[in-house]
Amino acid sequence: VQLVESGGGLVQAGGSLRLSCAASGSIFSINALGWYRQAPGKQRELVASITSGGSTKFADSVKGRFTITRANAKNTVYLQMNSLKPEDTSVYYCNAASFGGVDYWGKGTLVTVSL
């Protein structure tokens, strides 16, 4: 499975960004698609995920601000980020979790939120 992210960039606090992740390869093996983030000096953390059945999970810090959707026909997952805060600044990684328990990762896209 290959994952290609897009949509990162610089935005002012309070603004919005949408991240996209396109999956290719053995997509039939994918259960959940999601987004993680990792800031300098911190551990990688789950931001949001969505299963093939549509169940979603969000980090407490982004609930009510971020939305995750999945376009199965396009093998793409989107992360809509609203009301961005400086603490959301991080490298965001797309993740695909297979039914067999294997994780695949994109290369990451940088999101910077300025004051």
Protein backbone atom coordinates (compact mmCIF):
# COMPACT_ATOMS: atom_id res chain seq x y z
CA VAL A 1 0.00 0.00 0.00
CA GLN A 2 1.30 3.43 -0.95
CA LEU A 3 0.01 6.63 0.61
CA VAL A 4 0.48 10.13 -0.77
CA GLU A 5 -0.50 13.13 1.33
CA SER A 6 -1.24 16.65 0.18
CA GLY A 7 -2.73 19.85 1.55
CA GLY A 8 -0.35 20.95 4.27
CA GLY A 9 0.91 24.50 4.58
CA LEU A 10 0.95 27.67 6.62
CA VAL A 11 -2.25 29.09 8.06
CA GLN A 12 -3.12 31.67 10.68
CA ALA A 13 -4.73 30.66 13.93
CA GLY A 14 -8.46 30.26 13.48
CA GLY A 15 -8.07 29.26 9.86
CA SER A 16 -8.75 26.01 8.06
CA LEU A 17 -6.88 23.45 5.99
CA ARG A 18 -7.87 20.21 4.33
CA LEU A 19 -5.44 17.33 4.08
CA SER A 20 -5.87 14.59 1.51
CA CYS A 21 -4.34 11.14 1.36
CA ALA A 22 -4.61 8.92 -1.69
CA ALA A 23 -4.03 5.21 -1.25
CA SER A 24 -2.89 2.84 -3.98
CA GLY A 25 -1.68 -0.72 -4.23
CA SER A 26 -3.34 -3.45 -2.18
CA ILE A 27 -6.21 -1.25 -1.12
CA PHE A 28 -8.50 -4.24 -0.61
CA SER A 29 -6.43 -5.04 2.48
CA ILE A 30 -7.10 -1.69 4.16
CA ASN A 31 -9.42 -1.52 7.14
CA ALA A 32 -8.89 1.89 8.67
CA LEU A 33 -7.42 5.07 7.22
CA GLY A 34 -6.32 7.84 9.48
CA TRP A 35 -4.09 10.71 10.35
CA TYR A 36 -1.39 10.95 12.98
CA ARG A 37 0.82 13.88 13.84
CA GLN A 38 4.20 14.35 15.38
CA ALA A 39 5.61 17.61 16.67
CA PRO A 40 9.35 18.07 17.35
CA GLY A 41 10.35 16.27 20.51
CA LYS A 42 6.98 14.60 20.92
CA GLN A 43 5.59 11.18 20.21
CA ARG A 44 3.45 10.48 17.21
CA GLU A 45 -0.21 10.67 18.17
CA LEU A 46 -3.50 9.70 16.58
CA VAL A 47 -5.48 12.66 15.27
CA ALA A 48 -8.40 10.89 13.62
CA SER A 49 -9.24 7.62 11.93
CA ILE A 50 -12.10 6.10 9.98
CA THR A 51 -12.76 2.43 9.34
CA SER A 52 -14.08 0.81 6.19
CA GLY A 53 -17.44 0.71 7.93
CA GLY A 54 -17.41 4.42 8.63
CA SER A 55 -16.63 4.38 12.35
CA THR A 56 -14.54 7.35 13.40
CA LYS A 57 -12.19 8.12 16.24
CA PHE A 58 -10.73 11.50 17.22
CA ALA A 59 -8.15 12.78 19.63
CA ASP A 60 -9.80 14.78 22.40
CA SER A 61 -7.78 17.84 21.40
CA VAL A 62 -9.38 18.00 17.94
CA LYS A 63 -12.96 16.95 18.65
CA GLY A 64 -15.41 19.48 17.31
CA ARG A 65 -12.76 21.10 15.11
CA PHE A 66 -11.56 18.33 12.77
CA THR A 67 -13.60 16.07 10.52
CA ILE A 68 -12.44 12.92 8.76
CA THR A 69 -14.13 11.54 5.68
CA ARG A 70 -13.36 8.71 3.31
CA ALA A 71 -14.12 8.47 -0.38
CA ASN A 72 -13.89 4.76 -1.01
CA ALA A 73 -14.36 5.11 -4.75
CA LYS A 74 -11.28 7.32 -4.83
CA ASN A 75 -9.36 5.41 -2.16
CA THR A 76 -8.85 8.76 -0.48
CA VAL A 77 -9.21 10.02 3.04
CA TYR A 78 -9.62 13.67 3.95
CA LEU A 79 -8.97 15.57 7.16
CA GLN A 80 -10.82 18.87 7.37
CA MET A 81 -9.19 21.01 10.03
CA ASN A 82 -11.07 24.08 11.26
CA SER A 83 -10.36 26.59 14.03
CA LEU A 84 -6.69 25.71 13.88
CA LYS A 85 -4.50 26.53 16.84
CA PRO A 86 -0.72 27.01 17.07
CA GLU A 87 -0.54 23.76 19.03
CA ASP A 88 -1.84 21.94 15.95
CA THR A 89 1.49 22.70 14.27
CA SER A 90 3.03 19.38 13.38
CA VAL A 91 3.94 16.96 10.63
CA TYR A 92 0.79 15.04 9.73
CA TYR A 93 1.12 11.46 8.55
CA CYS A 94 -1.45 9.42 6.72
CA ASN A 95 -1.88 5.89 8.03
CA ALA A 96 -3.51 2.80 6.59
CA ALA A 97 -4.18 -0.10 8.91
CA SER A 98 -4.75 -3.42 7.19
CA PHE A 99 -7.13 -6.14 8.28
CA GLY A 100 -4.03 -8.19 8.99
CA GLY A 101 -2.66 -5.67 11.48
CA VAL A 102 -0.01 -4.10 9.24
CA ASP A 103 0.45 -0.33 9.31
CA TYR A 104 1.44 1.70 6.28
CA TRP A 105 2.59 5.32 6.41
CA GLY A 106 2.84 8.27 4.12
CA LYS A 107 5.86 10.56 4.11
CA GLY A 108 4.08 13.31 6.00
CA THR A 109 2.96 16.85 5.30
CA LEU A 110 3.81 19.87 7.43
CA VAL A 111 1.07 21.99 8.93
CA THR A 112 2.15 25.26 10.51
CA VAL A 113 -0.32 27.44 12.40
CA SER A 114 0.86 30.96 13.17
CA LEU A 115 -0.46 33.39 15.73
